[in-house]
Amino acid sequence: MTSYTVATAKHASLATSAADSVTFTANPGQVEVLVRGGTGPIYFRTDGVAPVVGGDDTYIATFGVPVYAPLDLSDTVQMVAAAAADYSVTGF
């Protein structure tokens, strides 16, 4: 798992079947996840539980459509995808 710590935003690439986590130091109440490129969706969770591709209780972000989610119980977004994807995660 690749882990990042940022104040308000992270822009990176998610490798195939490898998880990324983005932890916010600014304690946002909500995040936006945007897939900027790639061939498939990103599955993510905001409650401290590791997501799985196609798993229950995950949010799904697809290319070009921002998904907004509350940060539940942690200040970390955890993501995984079946195919490589470029993403942006912004907290606010």
Protein backbone atom coordinates (compact mmCIF):
# COMPACT_ATOMS: atom_id res chain seq x y z
CA MET A 1 0.00 0.00 0.00
CA THR A 2 1.23 3.45 -0.88
CA SER A 3 0.39 6.00 1.80
CA TYR A 4 0.31 9.77 1.45
CA THR A 5 -0.23 12.53 4.00
CA VAL A 6 -1.50 15.88 2.70
CA ALA A 7 -3.25 18.99 3.97
CA THR A 8 -6.00 19.33 1.35
CA ALA A 9 -5.38 17.42 -1.91
CA LYS A 10 -3.47 14.54 -3.51
CA HIS A 11 -3.03 13.84 -7.22
CA ALA A 12 -1.45 10.48 -8.03
CA SER A 13 -1.65 7.23 -9.97
CA LEU A 14 -3.12 4.06 -8.53
CA ALA A 15 -1.44 0.86 -9.71
CA THR A 16 -3.45 -2.20 -10.73
CA SER A 17 -4.72 -4.10 -7.67
CA ALA A 18 -2.52 -2.02 -5.33
CA ALA A 19 -4.09 0.06 -2.59
CA ASP A 20 -3.40 3.73 -1.87
CA SER A 21 -4.32 5.66 1.22
CA VAL A 22 -4.51 9.44 1.58
CA THR A 23 -4.55 10.90 5.08
CA PHE A 24 -5.54 14.53 5.59
CA THR A 25 -3.88 16.68 8.25
CA ALA A 26 -6.47 19.46 7.87
CA ASN A 27 -9.30 17.22 9.16
CA PRO A 28 -11.85 17.79 6.38
CA GLY A 29 -15.39 16.59 6.92
CA GLN A 30 -15.89 15.53 3.31
CA VAL A 31 -13.77 14.40 0.36
CA GLU A 32 -14.08 14.43 -3.40
CA VAL A 33 -12.56 11.55 -5.38
CA LEU A 34 -12.09 12.08 -9.11
CA VAL A 35 -10.72 9.54 -11.60
CA ARG A 36 -8.71 11.59 -14.12
CA GLY A 37 -7.61 8.72 -16.36
CA GLY A 38 -7.57 4.95 -16.62
CA THR A 39 -9.77 2.13 -17.80
CA GLY A 40 -11.86 1.31 -14.78
CA PRO A 41 -13.40 2.62 -11.58
CA ILE A 42 -11.75 3.20 -8.22
CA TYR A 43 -13.37 1.66 -5.15
CA PHE A 44 -12.83 3.60 -1.94
CA ARG A 45 -13.79 3.79 1.71
CA THR A 46 -13.61 6.58 4.25
CA ASP A 47 -14.32 4.63 7.44
CA GLY A 48 -10.89 3.11 8.14
CA VAL A 49 -11.72 -0.24 6.50
CA ALA A 50 -9.65 -1.41 3.53
CA PRO A 51 -11.71 -1.50 0.30
CA VAL A 52 -11.83 -4.39 -2.15
CA VAL A 53 -12.64 -4.24 -5.85
CA GLY A 54 -16.39 -4.66 -6.21
CA GLY A 55 -16.80 -4.93 -2.45
CA ASP A 56 -19.86 -4.08 -0.43
CA ASP A 57 -19.99 -0.77 1.42
CA THR A 58 -17.53 0.93 -0.94
CA TYR A 59 -17.96 4.15 -2.87
CA ILE A 60 -17.25 3.89 -6.62
CA ALA A 61 -15.59 6.68 -8.61
CA THR A 62 -15.59 6.44 -12.40
CA PHE A 63 -13.76 8.49 -15.01
CA GLY A 64 -14.63 12.18 -15.00
CA VAL A 65 -17.45 12.05 -12.43
CA PRO A 66 -16.53 13.37 -8.97
CA VAL A 67 -17.82 11.40 -6.00
CA TYR A 68 -18.32 13.13 -2.66
CA ALA A 69 -18.20 11.20 0.60
CA PRO A 70 -18.04 12.03 4.30
CA LEU A 71 -14.88 11.11 6.18
CA ASP A 72 -16.22 8.63 8.72
CA LEU A 73 -14.24 7.73 11.82
CA SER A 74 -10.86 8.64 10.31
CA ASP A 75 -9.15 11.27 8.20
CA THR A 76 -8.06 8.69 5.61
CA VAL A 77 -9.38 7.66 2.21
CA GLN A 78 -8.36 4.14 1.14
CA MET A 79 -8.61 3.22 -2.56
CA VAL A 80 -8.15 0.19 -4.81
CA ALA A 81 -8.83 -0.52 -8.50
CA ALA A 82 -8.73 -3.51 -10.84
CA ALA A 83 -6.87 -1.40 -13.44
CA ALA A 84 -4.40 1.47 -13.19
CA ALA A 85 -6.00 4.88 -12.74
CA ASP A 86 -4.98 8.51 -12.21
CA TYR A 87 -6.91 10.18 -9.42
CA SER A 88 -7.36 13.32 -7.37
CA VAL A 89 -8.61 13.33 -3.78
CA THR A 90 -9.57 16.68 -2.29
CA GLY A 91 -10.74 17.34 1.24
CA PHE A 92 -13.01 20.19 2.25
